[in-house]
Amino acid sequence: MRQLPLSESDALELLSQSASHSGICCDFDGTLAPIVVDPSFARPLPGAVSSLHTIARELRVAAVISGRPASFLAKQLELSRWRSPLRAIGLHGLEECLPDGTVMTAAGAQKWRPVIEIASKQIQARLPEGAKLEDKGYGITVHWRLAKEKHPADLGEIVARSRELALDVAARHGLIAHPGKESVELTLPLGIDKGTVISELCTGLGSAGYLGDDSGDLAAFKALDELASSCGLRAVKIAVSSAEAPAELIEQADLVMDEPRAAVGFLAALTDRLRAPQIPR
């Protein structure tokens, strides 16, 4: 196993030593919340929400960036209750939900809604039993996690058919297909992803970290690398490991956390660092 560039203590020190010029962003599923069979039941682990809002009041930037709809993130992160600067950015950057419940949508997204509706109907009509379609408004995800429990003998065929269907519909309508953890996500071809979000949020910072667990988080890692190269950003790339985490994400990480519980523990530790009295150097 390769030697990781940073220890957890190093990462915490890097992000907390100049809080007003630091930022931290993270994924939701598989990072703050354990992966569950039915995505609608995913919930952040205890302590995750309070830590994030505390961090958001101390750092320049704090955000959750997910493929989930922004309204779902806002509810799970309790934005209306905490009223902190924490940002809930959904659909890989296409949406952001404000504390008052207003959802801001990226320019150019709305005209794609009729396309998503047609694509959803076409997928639903051919979706194999055991797979599930999630219409996110400006994106579609095809899941087959439930098939592992209900149709284990037919799982291989269900996965193959679901993937082929998602890729076919994506190509037919000009959507972008992103294979993920037991899923394929169809997104809009607007050039917006977690990487572009990270570039926007973290440009001008002295240090920034990102926690993620899936292939979609590779774009965020790449953006941090680019900012480190072009602007001298001190970056911390944190992979949240699991049996399904892509090897490339683990390989590119500066620090690897074992499952969401460890990731939430890291956020709690960062909270403690930020609350601690600062000793002059």
C-alpha atoms as a PDB file:
ATOM      1  CA  MET A   1       0.000   0.000   0.000  1.00  0.00           C
ATOM      2  CA  ARG A   2       1.375   3.431  -0.894  1.00  0.00           C
ATOM      3  CA  GLN A   3       2.321   5.950   1.781  1.00  0.00           C
ATOM      4  CA  LEU A   4      -0.351   8.651   2.058  1.00  0.00           C
ATOM      5  CA  PRO A   5       0.956  12.226   1.755  1.00  0.00           C
ATOM      6  CA  LEU A   6      -0.942  13.450   4.851  1.00  0.00           C
ATOM      7  CA  SER A   7      -1.921  12.163   8.266  1.00  0.00           C
ATOM      8  CA  GLU A   8      -5.287  13.059   9.744  1.00  0.00           C
ATOM      9  CA  SER A   9      -3.566  15.436  12.153  1.00  0.00           C
ATOM     10  CA  ASP A  10      -1.738  17.135   9.263  1.00  0.00           C
ATOM     11  CA  ALA A  11      -5.007  17.619   7.382  1.00  0.00           C
ATOM     12  CA  LEU A  12      -6.781  19.051  10.410  1.00  0.00           C
ATOM     13  CA  GLU A  13      -3.917  21.466  11.039  1.00  0.00           C
ATOM     14  CA  LEU A  14      -3.834  22.582   7.426  1.00  0.00           C
ATOM     15  CA  LEU A  15      -7.564  23.377   7.334  1.00  0.00           C
ATOM     16  CA  SER A  16      -7.801  25.004  10.752  1.00  0.00           C
ATOM     17  CA  GLN A  17      -4.642  27.122  11.009  1.00  0.00           C
ATOM     18  CA  SER A  18      -6.023  29.949   8.805  1.00  0.00           C
ATOM     19  CA  ALA A  19      -9.768  29.400   9.073  1.00  0.00           C
ATOM     20  CA  SER A  20     -10.779  32.648   7.393  1.00  0.00           C
ATOM     21  CA  HIS A  21      -8.932  31.547   4.245  1.00  0.00           C
ATOM     22  CA  SER A  22      -9.890  27.857   4.302  1.00  0.00           C
ATOM     23  CA  GLY A  23     -12.745  25.797   2.930  1.00  0.00           C
ATOM     24  CA  ILE A  24     -14.135  22.299   3.119  1.00  0.00           C
ATOM     25  CA  CYS A  25     -16.627  20.577   0.850  1.00  0.00           C
ATOM     26  CA  CYS A  26     -17.998  17.058   0.840  1.00  0.00           C
ATOM     27  CA  ASP A  27     -20.309  14.612  -0.839  1.00  0.00           C
ATOM     28  CA  PHE A  28     -23.465  13.333   0.892  1.00  0.00           C
ATOM     29  CA  ASP A  29     -24.148   9.643   0.157  1.00  0.00           C
ATOM     30  CA  GLY A  30     -21.308   7.396   1.254  1.00  0.00           C
ATOM     31  CA  THR A  31     -19.592  10.312   2.986  1.00  0.00           C
ATOM     32  CA  LEU A  32     -21.976  11.949   5.458  1.00  0.00           C
ATOM     33  CA  ALA A  33     -24.618   9.244   5.154  1.00  0.00           C
ATOM     34  CA  PRO A  34     -24.165   5.477   4.814  1.00  0.00           C
ATOM     35  CA  ILE A  35     -25.224   3.957   1.501  1.00  0.00           C
ATOM     36  CA  VAL A  36     -28.668   2.384   1.904  1.00  0.00           C
ATOM     37  CA  VAL A  37     -30.774   0.139  -0.327  1.00  0.00           C
ATOM     38  CA  ASP A  38     -33.454   2.792  -0.896  1.00  0.00           C
ATOM     39  CA  PRO A  39     -31.787   6.201  -1.467  1.00  0.00           C
ATOM     40  CA  SER A  40     -34.847   8.044  -0.144  1.00  0.00           C
ATOM     41  CA  PHE A  41     -34.039   6.730   3.337  1.00  0.00           C
ATOM     42  CA  ALA A  42     -30.436   8.001   3.428  1.00  0.00           C
ATOM     43  CA  ARG A  43     -29.760  10.152   6.473  1.00  0.00           C
ATOM     44  CA  PRO A  44     -26.592  11.863   7.730  1.00  0.00           C
ATOM     45  CA  LEU A  45     -24.856  10.171  10.639  1.00  0.00           C
ATOM     46  CA  PRO A  46     -25.273  11.672  14.117  1.00  0.00           C
ATOM     47  CA  GLY A  47     -23.044  14.673  14.572  1.00  0.00           C
ATOM     48  CA  ALA A  48     -22.550  15.342  10.865  1.00  0.00           C
ATOM     49  CA  VAL A  49     -25.039  18.201  10.583  1.00  0.00           C
ATOM     50  CA  SER A  50     -23.990  20.042  13.736  1.00  0.00           C
ATOM     51  CA  SER A  51     -20.319  19.741  12.800  1.00  0.00           C
ATOM     52  CA  LEU A  52     -20.890  21.102   9.310  1.00  0.00           C
ATOM     53  CA  HIS A  53     -22.821  24.138  10.535  1.00  0.00           C
ATOM     54  CA  THR A  54     -20.185  24.894  13.157  1.00  0.00           C
ATOM     55  CA  ILE A  55     -17.458  24.590  10.527  1.00  0.00           C
ATOM     56  CA  ALA A  56     -19.431  26.818   8.160  1.00  0.00           C
ATOM     57  CA  ARG A  57     -19.389  29.612  10.746  1.00  0.00           C
ATOM     58  CA  GLU A  58     -15.614  29.393  11.079  1.00  0.00           C
ATOM     59  CA  LEU A  59     -14.250  28.711   7.582  1.00  0.00           C
ATOM     60  CA  ARG A  60     -14.568  30.910   4.519  1.00  0.00           C
ATOM     61  CA  VAL A  61     -16.327  28.132   2.569  1.00  0.00           C
ATOM     62  CA  ALA A  62     -18.305  25.065   3.643  1.00  0.00           C
ATOM     63  CA  ALA A  63     -20.524  23.145   1.242  1.00  0.00           C
ATOM     64  CA  VAL A  64     -22.140  19.803   0.578  1.00  0.00           C
ATOM     65  CA  ILE A  65     -22.006  19.011  -3.142  1.00  0.00           C
ATOM     66  CA  SER A  66     -24.054  16.022  -4.250  1.00  0.00           C
ATOM     67  CA  GLY A  67     -25.921  14.429  -7.101  1.00  0.00           C
ATOM     68  CA  ARG A  68     -29.035  14.690  -4.939  1.00  0.00           C
ATOM     69  CA  PRO A  69     -31.588  17.433  -5.556  1.00  0.00           C
ATOM     70  CA  ALA A  70     -30.699  20.554  -3.596  1.00  0.00           C
ATOM     71  CA  SER A  71     -34.046  20.533  -1.779  1.00  0.00           C
ATOM     72  CA  PHE A  72     -33.292  17.044  -0.421  1.00  0.00           C
ATOM     73  CA  LEU A  73     -29.897  18.221   0.828  1.00  0.00           C
ATOM     74  CA  ALA A  74     -31.379  21.322   2.447  1.00  0.00           C
ATOM     75  CA  LYS A  75     -33.854  19.194   4.379  1.00  0.00           C
ATOM     76  CA  GLN A  76     -31.286  16.645   5.535  1.00  0.00           C
ATOM     77  CA  LEU A  77     -28.786  19.360   6.466  1.00  0.00           C
ATOM     78  CA  GLU A  78     -31.485  21.339   8.319  1.00  0.00           C
ATOM     79  CA  LEU A  79     -30.564  24.611   6.633  1.00  0.00           C
ATOM     80  CA  SER A  80     -33.715  26.407   7.770  1.00  0.00           C
ATOM     81  CA  ARG A  81     -33.052  25.508  11.409  1.00  0.00           C
ATOM     82  CA  TRP A  82     -29.338  26.287  11.647  1.00  0.00           C
ATOM     83  CA  ARG A  83     -29.194  29.335   9.342  1.00  0.00           C
ATOM     84  CA  SER A  84     -25.437  29.049   8.954  1.00  0.00           C
ATOM     85  CA  PRO A  85     -23.380  29.820   5.814  1.00  0.00           C
ATOM     86  CA  LEU A  86     -23.333  26.090   4.917  1.00  0.00           C
ATOM     87  CA  ARG A  87     -24.230  25.663   1.228  1.00  0.00           C
ATOM     88  CA  ALA A  88     -26.365  22.840  -0.156  1.00  0.00           C
ATOM     89  CA  ILE A  89     -25.427  22.332  -3.812  1.00  0.00           C
ATOM     90  CA  GLY A  90     -27.317  19.622  -5.656  1.00  0.00           C
ATOM     91  CA  LEU A  91     -27.282  17.795  -8.986  1.00  0.00           C
ATOM     92  CA  HIS A  92     -23.483  18.169  -9.181  1.00  0.00           C
ATOM     93  CA  GLY A  93     -23.791  21.946  -9.310  1.00  0.00           C
ATOM     94  CA  LEU A  94     -27.006  22.518 -11.256  1.00  0.00           C
ATOM     95  CA  GLU A  95     -28.950  23.560  -8.159  1.00  0.00           C
ATOM     96  CA  GLU A  96     -28.447  25.299  -4.839  1.00  0.00           C
ATOM     97  CA  CYS A  97     -31.037  25.510  -2.086  1.00  0.00           C
ATOM     98  CA  LEU A  98     -31.014  28.574   0.141  1.00  0.00           C
ATOM     99  CA  PRO A  99     -32.030  28.500   3.830  1.00  0.00           C
ATOM    100  CA  ASP A 100     -35.428  29.997   2.968  1.00  0.00           C
ATOM    101  CA  GLY A 101     -36.144  27.044   0.673  1.00  0.00           C
ATOM    102  CA  THR A 102     -35.554  28.855  -2.607  1.00  0.00           C
ATOM    103  CA  VAL A 103     -33.860  26.627  -5.178  1.00  0.00           C
ATOM    104  CA  MET A 104     -31.562  28.401  -7.611  1.00  0.00           C
ATOM    105  CA  THR A 105     -31.040  26.601 -10.934  1.00  0.00           C
ATOM    106  CA  ALA A 106     -28.091  26.977 -13.276  1.00  0.00           C
ATOM    107  CA  ALA A 107     -28.602  28.925 -16.474  1.00  0.00           C
ATOM    108  CA  GLY A 108     -29.702  26.721 -19.347  1.00  0.00           C
ATOM    109  CA  ALA A 109     -31.028  23.884 -17.193  1.00  0.00           C
ATOM    110  CA  GLN A 110     -34.740  24.629 -17.409  1.00  0.00           C
ATOM    111  CA  LYS A 111     -35.009  24.011 -21.147  1.00  0.00           C
ATOM    112  CA  TRP A 112     -33.862  20.434 -20.542  1.00  0.00           C
ATOM    113  CA  ARG A 113     -36.781  19.537 -18.299  1.00  0.00           C
ATOM    114  CA  PRO A 114     -38.975  18.259 -21.208  1.00  0.00           C
ATOM    115  CA  VAL A 115     -36.045  16.086 -22.339  1.00  0.00           C
ATOM    116  CA  ILE A 116     -35.707  14.600 -18.846  1.00  0.00           C
ATOM    117  CA  GLU A 117     -39.432  13.849 -18.770  1.00  0.00           C
ATOM    118  CA  ILE A 118     -39.293  11.983 -22.077  1.00  0.00           C
ATOM    119  CA  ALA A 119     -36.120  10.131 -21.111  1.00  0.00           C
ATOM    120  CA  SER A 120     -37.637   9.117 -17.777  1.00  0.00           C
ATOM    121  CA  LYS A 121     -40.717   7.670 -19.469  1.00  0.00           C
ATOM    122  CA  GLN A 122     -38.591   5.734 -21.952  1.00  0.00           C
ATOM    123  CA  ILE A 123     -36.433   4.265 -19.188  1.00  0.00           C
ATOM    124  CA  GLN A 124     -39.402   3.433 -16.971  1.00  0.00           C
ATOM    125  CA  ALA A 125     -41.112   1.582 -19.811  1.00  0.00           C
ATOM    126  CA  ARG A 126     -38.118  -0.749 -20.278  1.00  0.00           C
ATOM    127  CA  LEU A 127     -36.654  -0.888 -16.773  1.00  0.00           C
ATOM    128  CA  PRO A 128     -36.046  -4.472 -15.598  1.00  0.00           C
ATOM    129  CA  GLU A 129     -37.730  -5.654 -12.422  1.00  0.00           C
ATOM    130  CA  GLY A 130     -35.503  -4.967  -9.436  1.00  0.00           C
ATOM    131  CA  ALA A 131     -34.105  -1.710 -10.820  1.00  0.00           C
ATOM    132  CA  LYS A 132     -35.421   1.723  -9.906  1.00  0.00           C
ATOM    133  CA  LEU A 133     -35.563   5.078 -11.654  1.00  0.00           C
ATOM    134  CA  GLU A 134     -35.102   8.349  -9.776  1.00  0.00           C
ATOM    135  CA  ASP A 135     -36.214  11.482 -11.623  1.00  0.00           C
ATOM    136  CA  LYS A 136     -34.328  14.389 -10.038  1.00  0.00           C
ATOM    137  CA  GLY A 137     -35.895  17.133 -12.096  1.00  0.00           C
ATOM    138  CA  TYR A 138     -32.789  17.957 -14.108  1.00  0.00           C
ATOM    139  CA  GLY A 139     -31.215  14.533 -14.002  1.00  0.00           C
ATOM    140  CA  ILE A 140     -32.025  10.825 -13.828  1.00  0.00           C
ATOM    141  CA  THR A 141     -30.467   8.009 -11.846  1.00  0.00           C
ATOM    142  CA  VAL A 142     -31.041   4.319 -12.496  1.00  0.00           C
ATOM    143  CA  HIS A 143     -30.350   2.198  -9.378  1.00  0.00           C
ATOM    144  CA  TRP A 144     -30.193  -1.565  -8.939  1.00  0.00           C
ATOM    145  CA  ARG A 145     -29.099  -1.776  -5.285  1.00  0.00           C
ATOM    146  CA  LEU A 146     -32.441  -3.266  -4.254  1.00  0.00           C
ATOM    147  CA  ALA A 147     -32.014  -6.104  -6.768  1.00  0.00           C
ATOM    148  CA  LYS A 148     -29.221  -7.592  -4.638  1.00  0.00           C
ATOM    149  CA  GLU A 149     -31.786  -8.522  -1.986  1.00  0.00           C
ATOM    150  CA  LYS A 150     -34.864  -9.269  -4.041  1.00  0.00           C
ATOM    151  CA  HIS A 151     -33.371 -10.840  -7.175  1.00  0.00           C
ATOM    152  CA  PRO A 152     -29.864 -12.120  -6.322  1.00  0.00           C
ATOM    153  CA  ALA A 153     -29.990 -14.930  -8.899  1.00  0.00           C
ATOM    154  CA  ASP A 154     -30.793 -12.496 -11.708  1.00  0.00           C
ATOM    155  CA  LEU A 155     -28.567  -9.647 -10.545  1.00  0.00           C
ATOM    156  CA  GLY A 156     -26.067  -9.883 -13.400  1.00  0.00           C
ATOM    157  CA  GLU A 157     -28.762  -9.624 -16.048  1.00  0.00           C
ATOM    158  CA  ILE A 158     -30.522  -6.784 -14.223  1.00  0.00           C
ATOM    159  CA  VAL A 159     -27.284  -4.800 -13.994  1.00  0.00           C
ATOM    160  CA  ALA A 160     -26.414  -5.363 -17.649  1.00  0.00           C
ATOM    161  CA  ARG A 161     -29.885  -4.433 -18.890  1.00  0.00           C
ATOM    162  CA  SER A 162     -30.110  -1.373 -16.653  1.00  0.00           C
ATOM    163  CA  ARG A 163     -26.720  -0.076 -17.779  1.00  0.00           C
ATOM    164  CA  GLU A 164     -27.461  -0.688 -21.443  1.00  0.00           C
ATOM    165  CA  LEU A 165     -30.821   1.048 -21.146  1.00  0.00           C
ATOM    166  CA  ALA A 166     -29.386   4.092 -19.378  1.00  0.00           C
ATOM    167  CA  LEU A 167     -26.560   4.446 -21.889  1.00  0.00           C
ATOM    168  CA  ASP A 168     -28.948   4.059 -24.840  1.00  0.00           C
ATOM    169  CA  VAL A 169     -31.370   6.718 -23.589  1.00  0.00           C
ATOM    170  CA  ALA A 170     -28.514   9.069 -22.692  1.00  0.00           C
ATOM    171  CA  ALA A 171     -27.066   8.821 -26.202  1.00  0.00           C
ATOM    172  CA  ARG A 172     -30.464   9.282 -27.801  1.00  0.00           C
ATOM    173  CA  HIS A 173     -31.161  12.536 -25.946  1.00  0.00           C
ATOM    174  CA  GLY A 174     -27.709  14.058 -25.627  1.00  0.00           C
ATOM    175  CA  LEU A 175     -27.410  13.418 -21.895  1.00  0.00           C
ATOM    176  CA  ILE A 176     -24.175  12.476 -20.130  1.00  0.00           C
ATOM    177  CA  ALA A 177     -24.027   9.029 -18.502  1.00  0.00           C
ATOM    178  CA  HIS A 178     -21.985   8.657 -15.303  1.00  0.00           C
ATOM    179  CA  PRO A 179     -21.596   5.116 -13.905  1.00  0.00           C
ATOM    180  CA  GLY A 180     -21.588   5.113 -10.110  1.00  0.00           C
ATOM    181  CA  LYS A 181     -22.093   2.811  -7.143  1.00  0.00           C
ATOM    182  CA  GLU A 182     -24.673   0.292  -8.400  1.00  0.00           C
ATOM    183  CA  SER A 183     -26.184   3.009 -10.582  1.00  0.00           C
ATOM    184  CA  VAL A 184     -25.903   5.068 -13.723  1.00  0.00           C
ATOM    185  CA  GLU A 185     -26.665   8.766 -13.539  1.00  0.00           C
ATOM    186  CA  LEU A 186     -27.757  10.837 -16.537  1.00  0.00           C
ATOM    187  CA  THR A 187     -26.845  14.514 -16.325  1.00  0.00           C
ATOM    188  CA  LEU A 188     -27.191  17.578 -18.529  1.00  0.00           C
ATOM    189  CA  PRO A 189     -24.425  18.470 -21.013  1.00  0.00           C
ATOM    190  CA  LEU A 190     -23.841  21.928 -19.560  1.00  0.00           C
ATOM    191  CA  GLY A 191     -20.219  21.496 -18.528  1.00  0.00           C
ATOM    192  CA  ILE A 192     -21.121  21.677 -14.832  1.00  0.00           C
ATOM    193  CA  ASP A 193     -19.833  19.095 -12.371  1.00  0.00           C
ATOM    194  CA  LYS A 194     -18.327  18.890  -8.902  1.00  0.00           C
ATOM    195  CA  GLY A 195     -15.032  20.063 -10.332  1.00  0.00           C
ATOM    196  CA  THR A 196     -16.432  23.316 -11.694  1.00  0.00           C
ATOM    197  CA  VAL A 197     -18.179  23.902  -8.363  1.00  0.00           C
ATOM    198  CA  ILE A 198     -14.948  23.367  -6.432  1.00  0.00           C
ATOM    199  CA  SER A 199     -13.086  25.719  -8.782  1.00  0.00           C
ATOM    200  CA  GLU A 200     -15.672  28.437  -8.179  1.00  0.00           C
ATOM    201  CA  LEU A 201     -15.869  27.985  -4.405  1.00  0.00           C
ATOM    202  CA  CYS A 202     -12.179  27.507  -3.641  1.00  0.00           C
ATOM    203  CA  THR A 203     -10.422  29.965  -5.946  1.00  0.00           C
ATOM    204  CA  GLY A 204      -8.709  32.533  -3.739  1.00  0.00           C
ATOM    205  CA  LEU A 205      -8.515  30.323  -0.661  1.00  0.00           C
ATOM    206  CA  GLY A 206      -5.266  29.392   1.029  1.00  0.00           C
ATOM    207  CA  SER A 207      -6.318  25.837   1.832  1.00  0.00           C
ATOM    208  CA  ALA A 208      -9.271  23.605   1.016  1.00  0.00           C
ATOM    209  CA  GLY A 209     -10.373  20.026   1.489  1.00  0.00           C
ATOM    210  CA  TYR A 210     -12.870  17.733  -0.150  1.00  0.00           C
ATOM    211  CA  LEU A 211     -14.326  14.434   1.107  1.00  0.00           C
ATOM    212  CA  GLY A 212     -15.912  12.005  -1.354  1.00  0.00           C
ATOM    213  CA  ASP A 213     -16.441   8.329  -2.041  1.00  0.00           C
ATOM    214  CA  ASP A 214     -17.471   7.835  -5.671  1.00  0.00           C
ATOM    215  CA  SER A 215     -16.302   8.342  -9.240  1.00  0.00           C
ATOM    216  CA  GLY A 216     -18.161  11.655  -9.478  1.00  0.00           C
ATOM    217  CA  ASP A 217     -15.822  13.013  -6.808  1.00  0.00           C
ATOM    218  CA  LEU A 218     -12.793  12.585  -9.051  1.00  0.00           C
ATOM    219  CA  ALA A 219     -13.697  15.880 -10.748  1.00  0.00           C
ATOM    220  CA  ALA A 220     -13.498  17.606  -7.367  1.00  0.00           C
ATOM    221  CA  PHE A 221     -10.073  16.076  -6.711  1.00  0.00           C
ATOM    222  CA  LYS A 222      -8.879  17.208 -10.136  1.00  0.00           C
ATOM    223  CA  ALA A 223     -10.094  20.755  -9.501  1.00  0.00           C
ATOM    224  CA  LEU A 224      -8.177  20.900  -6.221  1.00  0.00           C
ATOM    225  CA  ASP A 225      -5.041  19.684  -7.988  1.00  0.00           C
ATOM    226  CA  GLU A 226      -5.433  22.360 -10.630  1.00  0.00           C
ATOM    227  CA  LEU A 227      -5.889  25.099  -8.031  1.00  0.00           C
ATOM    228  CA  ALA A 228      -2.838  23.816  -6.169  1.00  0.00           C
ATOM    229  CA  SER A 229      -0.806  24.030  -9.365  1.00  0.00           C
ATOM    230  CA  SER A 230      -2.088  27.373 -10.617  1.00  0.00           C
ATOM    231  CA  CYS A 231      -2.772  29.286  -7.405  1.00  0.00           C
ATOM    232  CA  GLY A 232      -0.729  27.572  -4.706  1.00  0.00           C
ATOM    233  CA  LEU A 233      -3.787  26.240  -2.891  1.00  0.00           C
ATOM    234  CA  ARG A 234      -2.897  23.786  -0.134  1.00  0.00           C
ATOM    235  CA  ALA A 235      -5.290  20.983  -0.968  1.00  0.00           C
ATOM    236  CA  VAL A 236      -6.511  18.014   1.057  1.00  0.00           C
ATOM    237  CA  LYS A 237      -8.163  15.253  -0.985  1.00  0.00           C
ATOM    238  CA  ILE A 238      -9.955  12.800   1.293  1.00  0.00           C
ATOM    239  CA  ALA A 239     -11.389   9.535  -0.009  1.00  0.00           C
ATOM    240  CA  VAL A 240     -14.041   7.753   2.026  1.00  0.00           C
ATOM    241  CA  SER A 241     -13.330   4.087   1.483  1.00  0.00           C
ATOM    242  CA  SER A 242     -15.738   1.180   1.071  1.00  0.00           C
ATOM    243  CA  ALA A 243     -15.888  -2.069  -0.879  1.00  0.00           C
ATOM    244  CA  GLU A 244     -17.424  -0.102  -3.765  1.00  0.00           C
ATOM    245  CA  ALA A 245     -15.154   2.949  -3.743  1.00  0.00           C
ATOM    246  CA  PRO A 246     -13.312   3.316  -7.070  1.00  0.00           C
ATOM    247  CA  ALA A 247      -9.631   2.442  -6.915  1.00  0.00           C
ATOM    248  CA  GLU A 248      -8.715   5.631  -8.772  1.00  0.00           C
ATOM    249  CA  LEU A 249     -10.261   7.786  -6.056  1.00  0.00           C
ATOM    250  CA  ILE A 250      -8.326   5.971  -3.338  1.00  0.00           C
ATOM    251  CA  GLU A 251      -5.109   6.240  -5.352  1.00  0.00           C
ATOM    252  CA  GLN A 252      -5.464  10.004  -5.826  1.00  0.00           C
ATOM    253  CA  ALA A 253      -6.340  10.758  -2.200  1.00  0.00           C
ATOM    254  CA  ASP A 254      -4.051  12.491   0.283  1.00  0.00           C
ATOM    255  CA  LEU A 255      -5.920  10.819   3.125  1.00  0.00           C
ATOM    256  CA  VAL A 256      -8.267   7.819   3.245  1.00  0.00           C
ATOM    257  CA  MET A 257     -11.133   7.451   5.715  1.00  0.00           C
ATOM    258  CA  ASP A 258     -12.689   4.086   6.473  1.00  0.00           C
ATOM    259  CA  GLU A 259     -16.451   4.459   5.861  1.00  0.00           C
ATOM    260  CA  PRO A 260     -18.694   7.497   6.563  1.00  0.00           C
ATOM    261  CA  ARG A 261     -18.385   7.170  10.345  1.00  0.00           C
ATOM    262  CA  ALA A 262     -14.688   8.042  10.105  1.00  0.00           C
ATOM    263  CA  ALA A 263     -15.436  10.944   7.736  1.00  0.00           C
ATOM    264  CA  VAL A 264     -17.959  12.389  10.182  1.00  0.00           C
ATOM    265  CA  GLY A 265     -15.407  11.870  12.940  1.00  0.00           C
ATOM    266  CA  PHE A 266     -12.932  13.934  10.923  1.00  0.00           C
ATOM    267  CA  LEU A 267     -15.476  16.760  10.668  1.00  0.00           C
ATOM    268  CA  ALA A 268     -16.081  16.571  14.420  1.00  0.00           C
ATOM    269  CA  ALA A 269     -12.331  16.748  15.031  1.00  0.00           C
ATOM    270  CA  LEU A 270     -12.093  19.778  12.746  1.00  0.00           C
ATOM    271  CA  THR A 271     -14.890  21.393  14.738  1.00  0.00           C
ATOM    272  CA  ASP A 272     -12.938  20.838  17.938  1.00  0.00           C
ATOM    273  CA  ARG A 273      -9.819  22.360  16.374  1.00  0.00           C
ATOM    274  CA  LEU A 274     -11.728  25.434  15.245  1.00  0.00           C
ATOM    275  CA  ARG A 275     -13.303  25.916  18.664  1.00  0.00           C
ATOM    276  CA  ALA A 276     -10.041  25.532  20.539  1.00  0.00           C
ATOM    277  CA  PRO A 277      -8.232  28.717  21.647  1.00  0.00           C
ATOM    278  CA  GLN A 278      -5.585  29.683  19.120  1.00  0.00           C
ATOM    279  CA  ILE A 279      -2.074  29.758  20.512  1.00  0.00           C
ATOM    280  CA  PRO A 280       0.098  32.458  18.905  1.00  0.00           C
ATOM    281  CA  ARG A 281       3.038  31.036  16.976  1.00  0.00           C
END
